[in-house]
């Protein structure tokens, strides 16, 4: 499990995937989101501009990111 400390109100989902090192580029992040590989709080979510906030849980390729 990865704990990501959020500075500010939110972080866009694709930026979170890059910041945690789970993808290498923004383009790769957009592709995995549109292909349904990312879960947001337990549900598959296709929104690339999703605003992830404290308390949210993101799942991607058997990795879990908890935003604190």
Protein backbone atom coordinates (compact mmCIF):
# COMPACT_ATOMS: atom_id res chain seq x y z
CA UNK A 1 0.00 0.00 0.00
CA UNK A 2 1.20 3.49 -0.89
CA UNK A 3 0.34 6.41 1.35
CA UNK A 4 0.26 9.68 -0.60
CA UNK A 5 0.34 12.88 1.45
CA UNK A 6 -1.83 15.43 -0.29
CA UNK A 7 -0.76 19.07 -0.25
CA UNK A 8 -3.81 21.14 -1.13
CA UNK A 9 -7.44 20.33 -1.70
CA UNK A 10 -7.11 17.68 -4.45
CA UNK A 11 -4.87 16.11 -7.10
CA UNK A 12 -6.06 15.00 -10.55
CA UNK A 13 -6.09 11.20 -10.89
CA UNK A 14 -3.59 11.09 -13.76
CA UNK A 15 -1.14 13.25 -11.80
CA UNK A 16 -1.51 10.97 -8.77
CA UNK A 17 -0.63 7.92 -10.86
CA UNK A 18 2.49 9.70 -12.12
CA UNK A 19 3.47 11.09 -8.69
CA UNK A 20 3.37 7.63 -7.12
CA UNK A 21 5.47 6.14 -9.94
CA UNK A 22 2.83 3.65 -11.06
CA UNK A 23 2.97 5.05 -14.60
CA UNK A 24 5.79 6.87 -16.38
CA UNK A 25 3.90 9.47 -18.39
CA UNK A 26 0.63 11.37 -18.40
CA UNK A 27 -0.27 9.68 -21.67
CA UNK A 28 0.17 6.25 -20.11
CA UNK A 29 -1.98 7.36 -17.15
CA UNK A 30 -4.77 8.51 -19.48
CA UNK A 31 -4.72 5.18 -21.32
CA UNK A 32 -4.97 3.02 -18.18
CA UNK A 33 -7.84 5.18 -16.88
CA UNK A 34 -9.82 5.04 -20.15
CA UNK A 35 -9.27 1.26 -20.34
CA UNK A 36 -10.87 0.81 -16.91
CA UNK A 37 -7.74 -0.36 -15.08
CA UNK A 38 -8.16 2.10 -12.20
CA UNK A 39 -10.59 1.84 -9.29
CA UNK A 40 -11.65 4.88 -7.26
CA UNK A 41 -13.03 4.01 -3.81
CA UNK A 42 -13.77 0.45 -4.97
CA UNK A 43 -15.43 1.32 -8.30
CA UNK A 44 -13.91 1.41 -11.78
CA UNK A 45 -13.72 5.06 -12.83
CA UNK A 46 -13.04 6.37 -16.34
CA UNK A 47 -12.67 10.09 -15.49
CA UNK A 48 -9.17 11.32 -16.32
CA UNK A 49 -9.73 14.65 -14.57
CA UNK A 50 -11.13 13.08 -11.42
CA UNK A 51 -10.25 15.15 -8.35
CA UNK A 52 -8.77 12.82 -5.75
CA UNK A 53 -9.09 14.10 -2.18
CA UNK A 54 -7.95 13.07 1.31
CA UNK A 55 -9.48 9.78 2.39
CA UNK A 56 -9.84 8.43 -1.16
CA UNK A 57 -8.44 5.04 -2.14
CA UNK A 58 -7.14 4.32 -5.64
CA UNK A 59 -6.42 0.78 -6.86
CA UNK A 60 -4.29 0.03 -9.90
CA UNK A 61 -2.63 -3.26 -10.93
CA UNK A 62 -2.87 -4.76 -7.43
CA UNK A 63 -1.40 -1.60 -5.88
CA UNK A 64 -3.45 0.51 -3.49
CA UNK A 65 -2.91 4.25 -2.95
CA UNK A 66 -4.40 5.81 0.17
CA UNK A 67 -4.55 9.61 0.06
CA UNK A 68 -3.81 11.18 3.45
